[in-house]
Amino acid sequence: MPSMPQSHSHNFSNEEMDRFNALADQWWDPNGSFRPLHQLNPCRLDFINSQIEAEFDRDLESSLPFSGLSVLDVGCGGGLLCEPLTRLGAQVTGIDLAERNIPAAQSHAEQSGLSIEYRCAAAEDMVTEGQKFDIVLCMEVIEHVPDQPGFILTCAELLKSPGVLICSTINRNPKSFLFAIIGAEYVLRWLPKGTHDWRQFVTPQEITKMFTQAGLRTVDCKGFVLNPLQGEWRLSSRDTSVNFASAARKS
């Protein structure tokens, strides 16, 4: 198993790492603790793919449309995003500080016949190494990070120019407390209790400000809206009241 990199600059709490390490074996169980993420994943990919298609002038109908593009997935977990992006031709690197996530991701990629570089590392480690990527993803990560503006700044440093940073998270308002905390964790029990701290949620305006401070220009923001009867998610240009994603460009 890869060893945990030793650095005092990692922008993550030990409590959060312990929580995700405990769930590492469940990443690819569509009915397990990550069931909500499996349900959300097609919607996340729709947003990611559309941003890459627009920024790099790619045709999603072509074979391997993301060939020649490098992607870094920060907080990759078990690789739910890394694998489909690899199938589209991208060269994907996934990093995560929860060290048990890495062998889980590696094992599933091997079983799927996919070549993906997984590392137990922080975004700060990649900056230290001088790594640069066309696309950097931080999906459902920033709400678990103590220094959120610093985290966005680090992700921006990892971008080539031009490059795209895509971030998804949960808005901070009374509705998100009701749906993402009370509903998801206590009533429906979609997530383990304590998965989220409402105070760590981020508004779209705050994300935009962080992007600007990091030298990036926001190019899109859309909501992820759940149809509770069908259990399906869709993108919305209007409703960013709970789950949403923002994309920013480095040029």
C-alpha atoms as a PDB file:
ATOM      1  CA  MET A   1       0.000   0.000   0.000  1.00  0.00           C
ATOM      2  CA  PRO A   2       1.382   3.451  -0.834  1.00  0.00           C
ATOM      3  CA  SER A   3       2.626   5.339   2.197  1.00  0.00           C
ATOM      4  CA  MET A   4       1.127   8.647   3.277  1.00  0.00           C
ATOM      5  CA  PRO A   5       3.250  11.544   2.074  1.00  0.00           C
ATOM      6  CA  GLN A   6       4.727  13.508   4.964  1.00  0.00           C
ATOM      7  CA  SER A   7       3.938  17.196   4.710  1.00  0.00           C
ATOM      8  CA  HIS A   8       2.626  19.836   7.068  1.00  0.00           C
ATOM      9  CA  SER A   9       1.023  21.738   4.211  1.00  0.00           C
ATOM     10  CA  HIS A  10      -1.758  19.247   3.447  1.00  0.00           C
ATOM     11  CA  ASN A  11      -5.036  21.138   3.494  1.00  0.00           C
ATOM     12  CA  PHE A  12      -7.186  18.389   5.003  1.00  0.00           C
ATOM     13  CA  SER A  13      -8.216  17.249   8.475  1.00  0.00           C
ATOM     14  CA  ASN A  14      -7.286  13.892   9.992  1.00  0.00           C
ATOM     15  CA  GLU A  15     -10.926  13.384  10.981  1.00  0.00           C
ATOM     16  CA  GLU A  16     -12.031  13.628   7.355  1.00  0.00           C
ATOM     17  CA  MET A  17      -9.308  11.217   6.204  1.00  0.00           C
ATOM     18  CA  ASP A  18     -10.323   8.683   8.857  1.00  0.00           C
ATOM     19  CA  ARG A  19     -13.951   8.893   7.743  1.00  0.00           C
ATOM     20  CA  PHE A  20     -13.142   8.176   4.098  1.00  0.00           C
ATOM     21  CA  ASN A  21     -10.581   5.489   4.927  1.00  0.00           C
ATOM     22  CA  ALA A  22     -13.288   3.633   6.846  1.00  0.00           C
ATOM     23  CA  LEU A  23     -15.511   3.621   3.749  1.00  0.00           C
ATOM     24  CA  ALA A  24     -12.830   2.740   1.169  1.00  0.00           C
ATOM     25  CA  ASP A  25     -14.129  -0.771   0.473  1.00  0.00           C
ATOM     26  CA  GLN A  26     -17.541   0.564  -0.523  1.00  0.00           C
ATOM     27  CA  TRP A  27     -16.610   2.902  -3.382  1.00  0.00           C
ATOM     28  CA  TRP A  28     -17.820   0.642  -6.181  1.00  0.00           C
ATOM     29  CA  ASP A  29     -20.919  -0.676  -4.413  1.00  0.00           C
ATOM     30  CA  PRO A  30     -23.831   1.185  -6.073  1.00  0.00           C
ATOM     31  CA  ASN A  31     -26.051   0.324  -3.102  1.00  0.00           C
ATOM     32  CA  GLY A  32     -23.525   1.125  -0.375  1.00  0.00           C
ATOM     33  CA  SER A  33     -22.496   4.304   1.422  1.00  0.00           C
ATOM     34  CA  PHE A  34     -21.619   5.975  -1.890  1.00  0.00           C
ATOM     35  CA  ARG A  35     -24.958   5.246  -3.540  1.00  0.00           C
ATOM     36  CA  PRO A  36     -25.819   8.981  -3.763  1.00  0.00           C
ATOM     37  CA  LEU A  37     -22.539   9.612  -5.579  1.00  0.00           C
ATOM     38  CA  HIS A  38     -23.222   6.784  -8.044  1.00  0.00           C
ATOM     39  CA  GLN A  39     -26.620   8.345  -8.765  1.00  0.00           C
ATOM     40  CA  LEU A  40     -25.068  11.798  -9.165  1.00  0.00           C
ATOM     41  CA  ASN A  41     -22.151  10.636 -11.297  1.00  0.00           C
ATOM     42  CA  PRO A  42     -23.832  10.806 -14.749  1.00  0.00           C
ATOM     43  CA  CYS A  43     -24.839  14.403 -14.049  1.00  0.00           C
ATOM     44  CA  ARG A  44     -21.342  15.287 -12.866  1.00  0.00           C
ATOM     45  CA  LEU A  45     -19.875  13.766 -16.004  1.00  0.00           C
ATOM     46  CA  ASP A  46     -22.308  15.676 -18.224  1.00  0.00           C
ATOM     47  CA  PHE A  47     -21.061  18.937 -16.733  1.00  0.00           C
ATOM     48  CA  ILE A  48     -17.379  17.947 -16.876  1.00  0.00           C
ATOM     49  CA  ASN A  49     -17.582  16.656 -20.437  1.00  0.00           C
ATOM     50  CA  SER A  50     -19.393  19.743 -21.686  1.00  0.00           C
ATOM     51  CA  GLN A  51     -16.733  22.024 -20.172  1.00  0.00           C
ATOM     52  CA  ILE A  52     -13.872  20.051 -21.710  1.00  0.00           C
ATOM     53  CA  GLU A  53     -15.655  19.856 -25.059  1.00  0.00           C
ATOM     54  CA  ALA A  54     -16.148  23.634 -25.149  1.00  0.00           C
ATOM     55  CA  GLU A  55     -12.728  24.645 -23.857  1.00  0.00           C
ATOM     56  CA  PHE A  56     -10.653  22.306 -25.990  1.00  0.00           C
ATOM     57  CA  ASP A  57     -12.928  22.146 -29.046  1.00  0.00           C
ATOM     58  CA  ARG A  58     -13.547  18.414 -28.820  1.00  0.00           C
ATOM     59  CA  ASP A  59     -16.350  16.362 -30.355  1.00  0.00           C
ATOM     60  CA  LEU A  60     -17.910  13.992 -27.846  1.00  0.00           C
ATOM     61  CA  GLU A  61     -19.325  11.918 -30.699  1.00  0.00           C
ATOM     62  CA  SER A  62     -15.838  11.070 -31.949  1.00  0.00           C
ATOM     63  CA  SER A  63     -13.689   8.149 -30.842  1.00  0.00           C
ATOM     64  CA  LEU A  64     -11.595   8.988 -27.765  1.00  0.00           C
ATOM     65  CA  PRO A  65     -12.525  12.695 -27.823  1.00  0.00           C
ATOM     66  CA  PHE A  66     -10.247  13.598 -24.903  1.00  0.00           C
ATOM     67  CA  SER A  67      -7.116  12.019 -26.372  1.00  0.00           C
ATOM     68  CA  GLY A  68      -4.027  14.120 -25.635  1.00  0.00           C
ATOM     69  CA  LEU A  69      -5.561  15.864 -22.616  1.00  0.00           C
ATOM     70  CA  SER A  70      -4.291  15.423 -19.065  1.00  0.00           C
ATOM     71  CA  VAL A  71      -6.697  15.348 -16.125  1.00  0.00           C
ATOM     72  CA  LEU A  72      -5.995  15.530 -12.393  1.00  0.00           C
ATOM     73  CA  ASP A  73      -8.802  14.393 -10.093  1.00  0.00           C
ATOM     74  CA  VAL A  74      -8.104  15.816  -6.624  1.00  0.00           C
ATOM     75  CA  GLY A  75      -9.806  13.697  -3.988  1.00  0.00           C
ATOM     76  CA  CYS A  76     -10.453  10.925  -6.475  1.00  0.00           C
ATOM     77  CA  GLY A  77     -11.857   8.427  -3.980  1.00  0.00           C
ATOM     78  CA  GLY A  78     -12.356   5.086  -5.675  1.00  0.00           C
ATOM     79  CA  GLY A  79     -12.061   6.509  -9.179  1.00  0.00           C
ATOM     80  CA  LEU A  80     -15.718   7.062 -10.104  1.00  0.00           C
ATOM     81  CA  LEU A  81     -14.738   9.953 -12.372  1.00  0.00           C
ATOM     82  CA  CYS A  82     -11.261   8.781 -13.360  1.00  0.00           C
ATOM     83  CA  GLU A  83     -12.491   5.662 -15.125  1.00  0.00           C
ATOM     84  CA  PRO A  84     -15.066   7.198 -17.504  1.00  0.00           C
ATOM     85  CA  LEU A  85     -12.683  10.036 -18.393  1.00  0.00           C
ATOM     86  CA  THR A  86      -9.973   7.500 -19.182  1.00  0.00           C
ATOM     87  CA  ARG A  87     -12.410   5.667 -21.457  1.00  0.00           C
ATOM     88  CA  LEU A  88     -12.864   8.945 -23.336  1.00  0.00           C
ATOM     89  CA  GLY A  89      -9.136   9.032 -24.039  1.00  0.00           C
ATOM     90  CA  ALA A  90      -7.813  11.364 -21.332  1.00  0.00           C
ATOM     91  CA  GLN A  91      -4.576  10.680 -19.471  1.00  0.00           C
ATOM     92  CA  VAL A  92      -5.887  10.650 -15.911  1.00  0.00           C
ATOM     93  CA  THR A  93      -4.144  10.978 -12.562  1.00  0.00           C
ATOM     94  CA  GLY A  94      -6.140  10.521  -9.368  1.00  0.00           C
ATOM     95  CA  ILE A  95      -4.859  11.643  -5.982  1.00  0.00           C
ATOM     96  CA  ASP A  96      -6.343  11.191  -2.530  1.00  0.00           C
ATOM     97  CA  LEU A  97      -5.065  11.613   1.022  1.00  0.00           C
ATOM     98  CA  ALA A  98      -7.252   8.787   2.336  1.00  0.00           C
ATOM     99  CA  GLU A  99      -4.653   6.105   1.693  1.00  0.00           C
ATOM    100  CA  ARG A 100      -7.086   3.171   1.662  1.00  0.00           C
ATOM    101  CA  ASN A 101      -8.885   4.732  -1.310  1.00  0.00           C
ATOM    102  CA  ILE A 102      -5.852   4.253  -3.546  1.00  0.00           C
ATOM    103  CA  PRO A 103      -5.652   0.432  -3.602  1.00  0.00           C
ATOM    104  CA  ALA A 104      -9.451   0.300  -3.978  1.00  0.00           C
ATOM    105  CA  ALA A 105      -9.214   2.556  -7.035  1.00  0.00           C
ATOM    106  CA  GLN A 106      -6.194   0.713  -8.459  1.00  0.00           C
ATOM    107  CA  SER A 107      -7.844  -2.669  -8.081  1.00  0.00           C
ATOM    108  CA  HIS A 108     -11.029  -1.609  -9.856  1.00  0.00           C
ATOM    109  CA  ALA A 109      -9.099   0.044 -12.690  1.00  0.00           C
ATOM    110  CA  GLU A 110      -7.050  -3.123 -13.203  1.00  0.00           C
ATOM    111  CA  GLN A 111     -10.209  -5.232 -13.281  1.00  0.00           C
ATOM    112  CA  SER A 112     -11.604  -2.827 -15.880  1.00  0.00           C
ATOM    113  CA  GLY A 113      -8.453  -2.953 -18.002  1.00  0.00           C
ATOM    114  CA  LEU A 114      -7.770   0.781 -17.567  1.00  0.00           C
ATOM    115  CA  SER A 115      -4.432   2.536 -17.135  1.00  0.00           C
ATOM    116  CA  ILE A 116      -4.823   5.249 -14.503  1.00  0.00           C
ATOM    117  CA  GLU A 117      -2.142   6.704 -12.243  1.00  0.00           C
ATOM    118  CA  TYR A 118      -3.370   6.725  -8.649  1.00  0.00           C
ATOM    119  CA  ARG A 119      -1.316   8.265  -5.871  1.00  0.00           C
ATOM    120  CA  CYS A 120      -1.737   8.874  -2.162  1.00  0.00           C
ATOM    121  CA  ALA A 121      -0.827  12.538  -2.357  1.00  0.00           C
ATOM    122  CA  ALA A 122      -2.129  16.042  -1.774  1.00  0.00           C
ATOM    123  CA  ALA A 123      -2.573  18.762  -4.380  1.00  0.00           C
ATOM    124  CA  GLU A 124       0.268  20.598  -2.640  1.00  0.00           C
ATOM    125  CA  ASP A 125       2.582  17.662  -3.361  1.00  0.00           C
ATOM    126  CA  MET A 126       1.814  17.914  -7.063  1.00  0.00           C
ATOM    127  CA  VAL A 127       2.607  21.638  -7.028  1.00  0.00           C
ATOM    128  CA  THR A 128       5.930  20.922  -5.333  1.00  0.00           C
ATOM    129  CA  GLU A 129       6.730  18.449  -8.117  1.00  0.00           C
ATOM    130  CA  GLY A 130       5.934  21.070 -10.765  1.00  0.00           C
ATOM    131  CA  GLN A 131       3.060  19.058 -12.246  1.00  0.00           C
ATOM    132  CA  LYS A 132       0.649  20.730 -14.689  1.00  0.00           C
ATOM    133  CA  PHE A 133      -2.620  19.481 -16.179  1.00  0.00           C
ATOM    134  CA  ASP A 134      -5.121  20.586 -18.810  1.00  0.00           C
ATOM    135  CA  ILE A 135      -8.053  19.893 -16.493  1.00  0.00           C
ATOM    136  CA  VAL A 136      -8.168  19.800 -12.699  1.00  0.00           C
ATOM    137  CA  LEU A 137     -11.226  18.386 -10.943  1.00  0.00           C
ATOM    138  CA  CYS A 138     -12.188  18.924  -7.309  1.00  0.00           C
ATOM    139  CA  MET A 139     -15.613  17.352  -7.087  1.00  0.00           C
ATOM    140  CA  GLU A 140     -17.361  17.162  -3.699  1.00  0.00           C
ATOM    141  CA  VAL A 141     -14.052  17.956  -1.997  1.00  0.00           C
ATOM    142  CA  ILE A 142     -13.899  21.620  -1.023  1.00  0.00           C
ATOM    143  CA  GLU A 143     -16.605  21.242   1.656  1.00  0.00           C
ATOM    144  CA  HIS A 144     -14.191  18.928   3.495  1.00  0.00           C
ATOM    145  CA  VAL A 145     -11.215  21.318   3.305  1.00  0.00           C
ATOM    146  CA  PRO A 146     -10.245  23.698   6.161  1.00  0.00           C
ATOM    147  CA  ASP A 147      -8.641  26.440   4.013  1.00  0.00           C
ATOM    148  CA  GLN A 148     -10.942  26.673   1.019  1.00  0.00           C
ATOM    149  CA  PRO A 149      -9.423  29.721  -0.769  1.00  0.00           C
ATOM    150  CA  GLY A 150      -5.974  28.176  -0.322  1.00  0.00           C
ATOM    151  CA  PHE A 151      -7.204  24.926  -1.809  1.00  0.00           C
ATOM    152  CA  ILE A 152      -8.559  26.659  -4.928  1.00  0.00           C
ATOM    153  CA  LEU A 153      -5.299  28.579  -5.279  1.00  0.00           C
ATOM    154  CA  THR A 154      -3.352  25.307  -5.150  1.00  0.00           C
ATOM    155  CA  CYS A 155      -5.613  23.712  -7.768  1.00  0.00           C
ATOM    156  CA  ALA A 156      -5.157  26.770 -10.010  1.00  0.00           C
ATOM    157  CA  GLU A 157      -1.373  26.391  -9.752  1.00  0.00           C
ATOM    158  CA  LEU A 158      -1.730  22.889 -11.181  1.00  0.00           C
ATOM    159  CA  LEU A 159      -3.387  24.131 -14.384  1.00  0.00           C
ATOM    160  CA  LYS A 160      -1.692  24.587 -17.702  1.00  0.00           C
ATOM    161  CA  SER A 161      -2.603  27.710 -19.634  1.00  0.00           C
ATOM    162  CA  PRO A 162      -5.132  27.410 -21.119  1.00  0.00           C
ATOM    163  CA  GLY A 163      -6.690  25.048 -18.623  1.00  0.00           C
ATOM    164  CA  VAL A 164      -9.965  24.397 -16.814  1.00  0.00           C
ATOM    165  CA  LEU A 165     -10.705  23.943 -13.123  1.00  0.00           C
ATOM    166  CA  ILE A 166     -14.030  22.276 -12.324  1.00  0.00           C
ATOM    167  CA  CYS A 167     -15.354  22.290  -8.778  1.00  0.00           C
ATOM    168  CA  SER A 168     -18.606  20.911  -7.395  1.00  0.00           C
ATOM    169  CA  THR A 169     -19.910  21.277  -3.872  1.00  0.00           C
ATOM    170  CA  ILE A 170     -23.018  22.098  -1.812  1.00  0.00           C
ATOM    171  CA  ASN A 171     -24.488  25.561  -1.381  1.00  0.00           C
ATOM    172  CA  ARG A 172     -24.802  27.005   2.136  1.00  0.00           C
ATOM    173  CA  ASN A 173     -28.356  28.081   2.929  1.00  0.00           C
ATOM    174  CA  PRO A 174     -31.371  26.809   4.929  1.00  0.00           C
ATOM    175  CA  LYS A 175     -32.534  24.595   2.044  1.00  0.00           C
ATOM    176  CA  SER A 176     -29.190  22.804   1.811  1.00  0.00           C
ATOM    177  CA  PHE A 177     -29.230  22.218   5.581  1.00  0.00           C
ATOM    178  CA  LEU A 178     -32.669  20.663   5.278  1.00  0.00           C
ATOM    179  CA  PHE A 179     -31.876  18.513   2.227  1.00  0.00           C
ATOM    180  CA  ALA A 180     -28.150  17.699   2.495  1.00  0.00           C
ATOM    181  CA  ILE A 181     -27.891  17.325   6.267  1.00  0.00           C
ATOM    182  CA  ILE A 182     -31.290  16.526   7.801  1.00  0.00           C
ATOM    183  CA  GLY A 183     -32.713  14.721   4.774  1.00  0.00           C
ATOM    184  CA  ALA A 184     -29.671  12.890   3.392  1.00  0.00           C
ATOM    185  CA  GLU A 185     -27.959  11.973   6.667  1.00  0.00           C
ATOM    186  CA  TYR A 186     -30.753  11.629   9.249  1.00  0.00           C
ATOM    187  CA  VAL A 187     -34.063  10.930   7.483  1.00  0.00           C
ATOM    188  CA  LEU A 188     -33.218   9.045   4.275  1.00  0.00           C
ATOM    189  CA  ARG A 189     -29.822   7.896   5.619  1.00  0.00           C
ATOM    190  CA  TRP A 190     -28.244   8.160   2.169  1.00  0.00           C
ATOM    191  CA  LEU A 191     -25.013   9.254   3.858  1.00  0.00           C
ATOM    192  CA  PRO A 192     -23.431   8.378   7.209  1.00  0.00           C
ATOM    193  CA  LYS A 193     -24.234  10.925   9.916  1.00  0.00           C
ATOM    194  CA  GLY A 194     -21.519  13.527  10.161  1.00  0.00           C
ATOM    195  CA  THR A 195     -20.448  13.245   6.518  1.00  0.00           C
ATOM    196  CA  HIS A 196     -20.955  16.986   6.065  1.00  0.00           C
ATOM    197  CA  ASP A 197     -20.602  20.096   8.190  1.00  0.00           C
ATOM    198  CA  TRP A 198     -23.087  22.711   6.952  1.00  0.00           C
ATOM    199  CA  ARG A 199     -20.721  25.493   7.993  1.00  0.00           C
ATOM    200  CA  GLN A 200     -18.211  24.207   5.428  1.00  0.00           C
ATOM    201  CA  PHE A 201     -20.652  24.456   2.511  1.00  0.00           C
ATOM    202  CA  VAL A 202     -19.792  27.111  -0.094  1.00  0.00           C
ATOM    203  CA  THR A 203     -22.012  29.469  -2.061  1.00  0.00           C
ATOM    204  CA  PRO A 204     -21.588  29.963  -5.831  1.00  0.00           C
ATOM    205  CA  GLN A 205     -20.625  33.576  -5.158  1.00  0.00           C
ATOM    206  CA  GLU A 206     -17.867  32.461  -2.787  1.00  0.00           C
ATOM    207  CA  ILE A 207     -16.528  29.975  -5.330  1.00  0.00           C
ATOM    208  CA  THR A 208     -16.464  32.688  -7.988  1.00  0.00           C
ATOM    209  CA  LYS A 209     -14.564  34.991  -5.619  1.00  0.00           C
ATOM    210  CA  MET A 210     -12.034  32.218  -4.891  1.00  0.00           C
ATOM    211  CA  PHE A 211     -11.584  31.605  -8.615  1.00  0.00           C
ATOM    212  CA  THR A 212     -10.955  35.305  -9.208  1.00  0.00           C
ATOM    213  CA  GLN A 213      -8.444  35.501  -6.344  1.00  0.00           C
ATOM    214  CA  ALA A 214      -6.611  32.541  -7.908  1.00  0.00           C
ATOM    215  CA  GLY A 215      -6.371  34.301 -11.271  1.00  0.00           C
ATOM    216  CA  LEU A 216      -9.147  32.323 -12.934  1.00  0.00           C
ATOM    217  CA  ARG A 217     -12.260  33.428 -14.831  1.00  0.00           C
ATOM    218  CA  THR A 218     -15.556  31.692 -14.083  1.00  0.00           C
ATOM    219  CA  VAL A 219     -17.113  30.403 -17.303  1.00  0.00           C
ATOM    220  CA  ASP A 220     -20.086  28.369 -16.098  1.00  0.00           C
ATOM    221  CA  CYS A 221     -22.123  27.429 -13.040  1.00  0.00           C
ATOM    222  CA  LYS A 222     -24.969  24.936 -12.994  1.00  0.00           C
ATOM    223  CA  GLY A 223     -27.027  23.183 -10.376  1.00  0.00           C
ATOM    224  CA  PHE A 224     -27.443  19.445  -9.883  1.00  0.00           C
ATOM    225  CA  VAL A 225     -31.154  18.927  -9.228  1.00  0.00           C
ATOM    226  CA  LEU A 226     -32.613  15.660  -7.948  1.00  0.00           C
ATOM    227  CA  ASN A 227     -35.934  14.216  -9.078  1.00  0.00           C
ATOM    228  CA  PRO A 228     -36.826  12.352  -5.849  1.00  0.00           C
ATOM    229  CA  LEU A 229     -39.461  10.160  -7.495  1.00  0.00           C
ATOM    230  CA  GLN A 230     -37.129   8.831 -10.185  1.00  0.00           C
ATOM    231  CA  GLY A 231     -33.913   9.105  -8.193  1.00  0.00           C
ATOM    232  CA  GLU A 232     -32.282  10.864 -11.146  1.00  0.00           C
ATOM    233  CA  TRP A 233     -30.254  14.057 -11.315  1.00  0.00           C
ATOM    234  CA  ARG A 234     -30.302  16.729 -14.024  1.00  0.00           C
ATOM    235  CA  LEU A 235     -28.322  19.870 -14.753  1.00  0.00           C
ATOM    236  CA  SER A 236     -30.057  23.189 -14.150  1.00  0.00           C
ATOM    237  CA  SER A 237     -29.007  26.665 -15.270  1.00  0.00           C
ATOM    238  CA  ARG A 238     -31.286  28.235 -12.653  1.00  0.00           C
ATOM    239  CA  ASP A 239     -31.352  26.099  -9.531  1.00  0.00           C
ATOM    240  CA  THR A 240     -28.018  26.077  -7.670  1.00  0.00           C
ATOM    241  CA  SER A 241     -29.684  26.076  -4.257  1.00  0.00           C
ATOM    242  CA  VAL A 242     -28.209  22.770  -3.061  1.00  0.00           C
ATOM    243  CA  ASN A 243     -25.712  20.865  -5.236  1.00  0.00           C
ATOM    244  CA  PHE A 244     -23.880  22.790  -7.948  1.00  0.00           C
ATOM    245  CA  ALA A 245     -20.724  22.849 -10.069  1.00  0.00           C
ATOM    246  CA  SER A 246     -18.627  25.755 -11.305  1.00  0.00           C
ATOM    247  CA  ALA A 247     -15.970  25.855 -14.001  1.00  0.00           C
ATOM    248  CA  ALA A 248     -13.193  28.406 -14.393  1.00  0.00           C
ATOM    249  CA  ARG A 249     -10.624  29.067 -17.091  1.00  0.00           C
ATOM    250  CA  LYS A 250      -6.942  29.840 -16.813  1.00  0.00           C
ATOM    251  CA  SER A 251      -5.623  31.750 -19.788  1.00  0.00           C
END
